[in-house]
C-alpha atoms as a PDB file:
ATOM      1  CA  MET A   1     101.214  96.833  88.286  1.00  0.00           C
ATOM      2  CA  ALA A   2      97.466  95.678  87.696  1.00  0.00           C
ATOM      3  CA  ASP A   3      97.514  93.450  84.566  1.00  0.00           C
ATOM      4  CA  ARG A   4      94.930  93.968  81.677  1.00  0.00           C
ATOM      5  CA  ILE A   5      92.050  91.596  81.298  1.00  0.00           C
ATOM      6  CA  ASN A   6      90.525  90.746  78.172  1.00  0.00           C
ATOM      7  CA  THR A   7      86.724  90.741  78.478  1.00  0.00           C
ATOM      8  CA  SER A   8      85.529  91.279  74.963  1.00  0.00           C
ATOM      9  CA  ALA A   9      83.313  88.354  75.397  1.00  0.00           C
ATOM     10  CA  LEU A  10      81.856  89.579  78.950  1.00  0.00           C
ATOM     11  CA  THR A  11      81.231  93.381  77.207  1.00  0.00           C
ATOM     12  CA  ALA A  12      79.434  92.022  74.550  1.00  0.00           C
ATOM     13  CA  ALA A  13      77.241  89.812  76.514  1.00  0.00           C
ATOM     14  CA  PHE A  14      76.825  92.520  78.679  1.00  0.00           C
ATOM     15  CA  LYS A  15      75.600  95.021  76.080  1.00  0.00           C
ATOM     16  CA  GLU A  16      72.583  92.461  75.331  1.00  0.00           C
ATOM     17  CA  LEU A  17      71.140  93.553  78.506  1.00  0.00           C
ATOM     18  CA  HIS A  18      68.547  96.065  78.650  1.00  0.00           C
ATOM     19  CA  GLU A  19      69.556  99.504  79.412  1.00  0.00           C
ATOM     20  CA  ASP A  20      68.073  99.625  82.738  1.00  0.00           C
ATOM     21  CA  LEU A  21      69.305  96.397  84.181  1.00  0.00           C
ATOM     22  CA  HIS A  22      73.086  97.595  83.057  1.00  0.00           C
ATOM     23  CA  ARG A  23      73.621  99.415  86.075  1.00  0.00           C
ATOM     24  CA  ARG A  24      71.980  96.967  88.599  1.00  0.00           C
ATOM     25  CA  THR A  25      73.800  94.059  86.806  1.00  0.00           C
ATOM     26  CA  ALA A  26      77.003  95.543  86.995  1.00  0.00           C
ATOM     27  CA  ARG A  27      76.795  96.094  90.182  1.00  0.00           C
ATOM     28  CA  ARG A  28      75.859  92.621  91.334  1.00  0.00           C
ATOM     29  CA  MET A  29      78.589  90.907  88.938  1.00  0.00           C
ATOM     30  CA  VAL A  30      81.315  93.191  90.289  1.00  0.00           C
ATOM     31  CA  GLY A  31      79.904  92.586  93.870  1.00  0.00           C
ATOM     32  CA  ALA A  32      79.977  88.595  93.362  1.00  0.00           C
ATOM     33  CA  GLY A  33      83.571  88.915  92.269  1.00  0.00           C
ATOM     34  CA  ALA A  34      84.826  91.172  94.878  1.00  0.00           C
ATOM     35  CA  LYS A  35      83.628  88.644  97.047  1.00  0.00           C
ATOM     36  CA  VAL A  36      85.892  86.105  96.048  1.00  0.00           C
ATOM     37  CA  ILE A  37      88.630  88.023  96.342  1.00  0.00           C
ATOM     38  CA  ARG A  38      87.543  89.534  99.491  1.00  0.00           C
ATOM     39  CA  GLU A  39      87.422  86.086 101.035  1.00  0.00           C
ATOM     40  CA  GLU A  40      90.838  85.143  99.678  1.00  0.00           C
ATOM     41  CA  ALA A  41      92.150  87.914 101.082  1.00  0.00           C
ATOM     42  CA  LYS A  42      91.010  87.083 104.668  1.00  0.00           C
ATOM     43  CA  ARG A  43      92.362  83.597 104.344  1.00  0.00           C
ATOM     44  CA  ILE A  44      95.524  84.903 103.023  1.00  0.00           C
ATOM     45  CA  ALA A  45      95.577  87.717 106.061  1.00  0.00           C
ATOM     46  CA  ALA A  46      94.724  84.863 108.555  1.00  0.00           C
ATOM     47  CA  GLY A  47      96.895  82.618 107.632  1.00  0.00           C
ATOM     48  CA  ALA A  48      99.824  84.958 107.881  1.00  0.00           C
ATOM     49  CA  GLY A  49      99.313  85.727 111.483  1.00  0.00           C
ATOM     50  CA  LEU A  50      97.578  88.773 110.775  1.00  0.00           C
ATOM     51  CA  ARG A  51      94.280  88.135 112.961  1.00  0.00           C
ATOM     52  CA  ARG A  52      95.218  89.505 116.665  1.00  0.00           C
ATOM     53  CA  THR A  53      92.023  91.992 116.858  1.00  0.00           C
ATOM     54  CA  GLY A  54      89.939  90.738 113.915  1.00  0.00           C
ATOM     55  CA  ALA A  55      89.808  94.484 112.856  1.00  0.00           C
ATOM     56  CA  LEU A  56      91.932  93.772 109.679  1.00  0.00           C
ATOM     57  CA  LEU A  57      89.913  90.844 108.640  1.00  0.00           C
ATOM     58  CA  ASN A  58      86.655  92.859 109.479  1.00  0.00           C
ATOM     59  CA  ASN A  59      87.230  95.650 107.592  1.00  0.00           C
ATOM     60  CA  ILE A  60      88.393  93.966 104.220  1.00  0.00           C
ATOM     61  CA  VAL A  61      85.617  95.591 102.210  1.00  0.00           C
ATOM     62  CA  MET A  62      84.745  96.401  98.719  1.00  0.00           C
ATOM     63  CA  LYS A  63      83.392  99.964  98.108  1.00  0.00           C
ATOM     64  CA  ARG A  64      81.294 101.686  95.625  1.00  0.00           C
ATOM     65  CA  GLU A  65      82.704 105.549  94.753  1.00  0.00           C
ATOM     66  CA  ARG A  66      81.465 107.491  91.745  1.00  0.00           C
ATOM     67  CA  THR A  67      83.634 110.316  90.318  1.00  0.00           C
ATOM     68  CA  PRO A  68      82.544 113.650  89.970  1.00  0.00           C
ATOM     69  CA  GLU A  69      82.328 112.604  86.203  1.00  0.00           C
ATOM     70  CA  GLY A  70      79.758 110.280  87.254  1.00  0.00           C
ATOM     71  CA  ILE A  71      81.560 107.312  86.780  1.00  0.00           C
ATOM     72  CA  GLU A  72      81.291 104.588  89.240  1.00  0.00           C
ATOM     73  CA  GLN A  73      84.703 102.372  90.440  1.00  0.00           C
ATOM     74  CA  TYR A  74      84.971  99.738  92.775  1.00  0.00           C
ATOM     75  CA  ASN A  75      87.556  99.453  95.228  1.00  0.00           C
ATOM     76  CA  LEU A  76      88.626  96.866  96.851  1.00  0.00           C
ATOM     77  CA  GLY A  77      90.625  97.730 100.604  1.00  0.00           C
ATOM     78  CA  VAL A  78      90.284  97.768 103.990  1.00  0.00           C
ATOM     79  CA  ARG A  79      87.984 100.189 105.609  1.00  0.00           C
ATOM     80  CA  HIS A  80      89.786 102.391 108.770  1.00  0.00           C
ATOM     81  CA  GLY A  81      89.251 105.617 110.165  1.00  0.00           C
ATOM     82  CA  ARG A  82      86.499 107.540 109.225  1.00  0.00           C
ATOM     83  CA  ALA A  83      85.189 105.348 106.953  1.00  0.00           C
ATOM     84  CA  LEU A  84      84.747 102.594 109.647  1.00  0.00           C
ATOM     85  CA  GLY A  85      81.193 104.674 110.044  1.00  0.00           C
ATOM     86  CA  LYS A  86      78.843 106.076 112.554  1.00  0.00           C
ATOM     87  CA  LYS A  87      78.762 102.873 114.383  1.00  0.00           C
ATOM     88  CA  ALA A  88      82.176 102.263 114.973  1.00  0.00           C
ATOM     89  CA  GLU A  89      83.388 102.433 119.092  1.00  0.00           C
ATOM     90  CA  LYS A  90      85.442 105.673 119.183  1.00  0.00           C
ATOM     91  CA  LYS A  91      87.170 106.622 122.457  1.00  0.00           C
ATOM     92  CA  LEU A  92      88.405 109.903 123.659  1.00  0.00           C
ATOM     93  CA  VAL A  93      92.489 109.988 124.417  1.00  0.00           C
ATOM     94  CA  VAL A  94      94.722 112.690 124.936  1.00  0.00           C
ATOM     95  CA  GLY A  95      97.657 113.607 122.466  1.00  0.00           C
ATOM     96  CA  VAL A  96     101.052 114.110 122.647  1.00  0.00           C
ATOM     97  CA  ASN A  97     100.071 118.206 122.264  1.00  0.00           C
ATOM     98  CA  GLY A  98      97.972 117.585 124.992  1.00  0.00           C
ATOM     99  CA  ARG A  99      94.305 117.757 123.048  1.00  0.00           C
ATOM    100  CA  VAL A 100      91.840 115.888 123.447  1.00  0.00           C
ATOM    101  CA  GLN A 101      91.362 113.200 120.079  1.00  0.00           C
ATOM    102  CA  THR A 102      88.744 111.023 118.813  1.00  0.00           C
ATOM    103  CA  ARG A 103      90.479 107.357 118.406  1.00  0.00           C
ATOM    104  CA  TYR A 104      88.648 104.611 116.923  1.00  0.00           C
ATOM    105  CA  VAL A 105      88.650 101.462 118.665  1.00  0.00           C
ATOM    106  CA  ASN A 106      89.757  98.424 116.766  1.00  0.00           C
ATOM    107  CA  ASP A 107      90.982 100.773 113.684  1.00  0.00           C
ATOM    108  CA  PRO A 108      93.266  98.499 111.144  1.00  0.00           C
ATOM    109  CA  TRP A 109      95.108 101.626 110.236  1.00  0.00           C
ATOM    110  CA  TYR A 110      98.225  99.849 109.879  1.00  0.00           C
ATOM    111  CA  TRP A 111      97.080  98.039 107.114  1.00  0.00           C
ATOM    112  CA  VAL A 112      99.038  99.449 104.441  1.00  0.00           C
ATOM    113  CA  ILE A 113     102.091  99.427 106.133  1.00  0.00           C
ATOM    114  CA  LEU A 114     101.074  95.214 106.164  1.00  0.00           C
ATOM    115  CA  GLU A 115     100.449  95.241 102.885  1.00  0.00           C
ATOM    116  CA  VAL A 116     103.677  96.763 101.625  1.00  0.00           C
ATOM    117  CA  GLY A 117     105.890  96.792 104.104  1.00  0.00           C
ATOM    118  CA  ALA A 118     108.037  99.966 105.411  1.00  0.00           C
ATOM    119  CA  LYS A 119     111.884 100.938 104.746  1.00  0.00           C
ATOM    120  CA  PRO A 120     114.234 101.444 107.738  1.00  0.00           C
ATOM    121  CA  HIS A 121     113.676 104.776 109.165  1.00  0.00           C
ATOM    122  CA  VAL A 122     114.574 106.994 112.125  1.00  0.00           C
ATOM    123  CA  ILE A 123     111.773 108.229 113.903  1.00  0.00           C
ATOM    124  CA  GLU A 124     112.500 111.586 115.714  1.00  0.00           C
ATOM    125  CA  PRO A 125     110.547 113.803 118.449  1.00  0.00           C
ATOM    126  CA  ARG A 126     107.696 116.147 117.088  1.00  0.00           C
ATOM    127  CA  LYS A 127     108.707 119.681 117.234  1.00  0.00           C
ATOM    128  CA  GLY A 128     108.660 120.752 120.724  1.00  0.00           C
ATOM    129  CA  SER A 129     109.346 117.782 122.118  1.00  0.00           C
ATOM    130  CA  LYS A 130     113.086 116.429 123.051  1.00  0.00           C
ATOM    131  CA  LEU A 131     112.600 113.131 124.267  1.00  0.00           C
ATOM    132  CA  LEU A 132     110.802 110.205 122.215  1.00  0.00           C
ATOM    133  CA  ALA A 133     108.532 108.164 125.434  1.00  0.00           C
ATOM    134  CA  TRP A 134     107.101 104.623 124.553  1.00  0.00           C
ATOM    135  CA  THR A 135     105.609 101.957 126.898  1.00  0.00           C
ATOM    136  CA  GLN A 136     106.227  98.281 126.582  1.00  0.00           C
ATOM    137  CA  ILE A 137     103.486  96.804 129.322  1.00  0.00           C
ATOM    138  CA  PRO A 138     105.900  94.786 131.294  1.00  0.00           C
ATOM    139  CA  GLN A 139     108.526  96.890 131.245  1.00  0.00           C
ATOM    140  CA  PRO A 140     109.076 100.566 132.432  1.00  0.00           C
ATOM    141  CA  THR A 141     108.690 103.294 130.049  1.00  0.00           C
ATOM    142  CA  LYS A 142     111.657 104.159 127.859  1.00  0.00           C
ATOM    143  CA  PHE A 143     113.046 107.410 126.499  1.00  0.00           C
ATOM    144  CA  ALA A 144     115.385 108.497 123.504  1.00  0.00           C
ATOM    145  CA  ARG A 145     115.834 111.514 121.311  1.00  0.00           C
ATOM    146  CA  LYS A 146     115.867 109.355 118.356  1.00  0.00           C
ATOM    147  CA  VAL A 147     115.224 105.753 117.029  1.00  0.00           C
ATOM    148  CA  LYS A 148     116.353 103.697 114.296  1.00  0.00           C
ATOM    149  CA  HIS A 149     113.239 101.894 113.148  1.00  0.00           C
ATOM    150  CA  PRO A 150     114.524  98.745 111.185  1.00  0.00           C
ATOM    151  CA  GLY A 151     111.414  98.772 108.735  1.00  0.00           C
ATOM    152  CA  THR A 152     108.635  96.504 108.326  1.00  0.00           C
ATOM    153  CA  GLU A 153     108.797  93.309 106.059  1.00  0.00           C
ATOM    154  CA  ALA A 154     105.350  92.910 103.425  1.00  0.00           C
ATOM    155  CA  THR A 155     102.937  90.583 104.244  1.00  0.00           C
ATOM    156  CA  PRO A 156     100.722  91.466 101.465  1.00  0.00           C
ATOM    157  CA  PHE A 157      97.354  90.023 101.300  1.00  0.00           C
ATOM    158  CA  LEU A 158      95.435  91.975  98.754  1.00  0.00           C
ATOM    159  CA  ALA A 159      97.234  91.872  96.059  1.00  0.00           C
ATOM    160  CA  PRO A 160      98.020  88.271  96.146  1.00  0.00           C
ATOM    161  CA  ALA A 161      94.565  87.503  96.983  1.00  0.00           C
ATOM    162  CA  LEU A 162      93.751  89.287  93.395  1.00  0.00           C
ATOM    163  CA  GLU A 163      96.521  87.192  91.779  1.00  0.00           C
ATOM    164  CA  ASN A 164      95.191  83.953  93.083  1.00  0.00           C
ATOM    165  CA  LYS A 165      91.230  84.298  92.061  1.00  0.00           C
ATOM    166  CA  ARG A 166      91.374  86.049  89.136  1.00  0.00           C
ATOM    167  CA  GLU A 167      90.069  83.481  86.745  1.00  0.00           C
ATOM    168  CA  GLU A 168      87.426  82.204  89.741  1.00  0.00           C
ATOM    169  CA  ALA A 169      86.280  85.839  90.023  1.00  0.00           C
ATOM    170  CA  LEU A 170      85.920  86.314  86.245  1.00  0.00           C
ATOM    171  CA  ALA A 171      83.875  83.142  86.097  1.00  0.00           C
ATOM    172  CA  VAL A 172      81.672  84.457  88.975  1.00  0.00           C
ATOM    173  CA  MET A 173      80.902  87.145  87.257  1.00  0.00           C
ATOM    174  CA  VAL A 174      80.109  85.866  83.850  1.00  0.00           C
ATOM    175  CA  GLN A 175      77.577  83.609  85.801  1.00  0.00           C
ATOM    176  CA  ARG A 176      75.917  86.210  87.209  1.00  0.00           C
ATOM    177  CA  LEU A 177      75.323  88.029  84.006  1.00  0.00           C
ATOM    178  CA  GLU A 178      73.996  84.893  82.044  1.00  0.00           C
ATOM    179  CA  ALA A 179      71.454  84.532  85.159  1.00  0.00           C
ATOM    180  CA  ALA A 180      70.496  88.200  84.654  1.00  0.00           C
ATOM    181  CA  ILE A 181      70.599  87.600  80.708  1.00  0.00           C
ATOM    182  CA  LYS A 182      68.326  84.784  81.231  1.00  0.00           C
ATOM    183  CA  LYS A 183      66.178  86.316  83.781  1.00  0.00           C
ATOM    184  CA  ALA A 184      65.588  89.204  81.251  1.00  0.00           C
ATOM    185  CA  ASN A 185      64.829  87.143  78.308  1.00  0.00           C
ATOM    186  CA  LYS A 186      62.012  85.190  80.348  1.00  0.00           C
ATOM    187  CA  SER A 187      60.406  88.690  80.712  1.00  0.00           C
END
């Protein structure tokens, strides 16, 4: 899936930095490389017509996470659901089961379906219900016992962005590293 890139020269230059600069420089390097890929992903998504509300484009982000072993990893993806954060606008809705649920306004929960697509499948009512119901605004509510969904064709935007801008992202990371080395040598 993901190709390995030979970064031995980058690693050798990185080791020249003083130990306390490693973490800060690594974060800046990865951030600079991710920015290049993130902007390309936004451009591809907008070009593919995925800009209805802007929620998808606004939530393409790089996230830094620390594993239980203490290793930092960086993920480029789409922020959705609880990951939208405390400032995300929420609304209360009554769910199918009659319970009140919190939903996030402009939540791009569907991003994986756009990125990888969905196979044709049958949609059936939940346990306890006998009919599916849905509304399409200008038309009346429709009911069915089951629906054969034709599937959704993939409209990838993250994978092509990585492929298109891989070399540019690495070049930006090298520039960031060289700047840090020059700054460290001046001190």
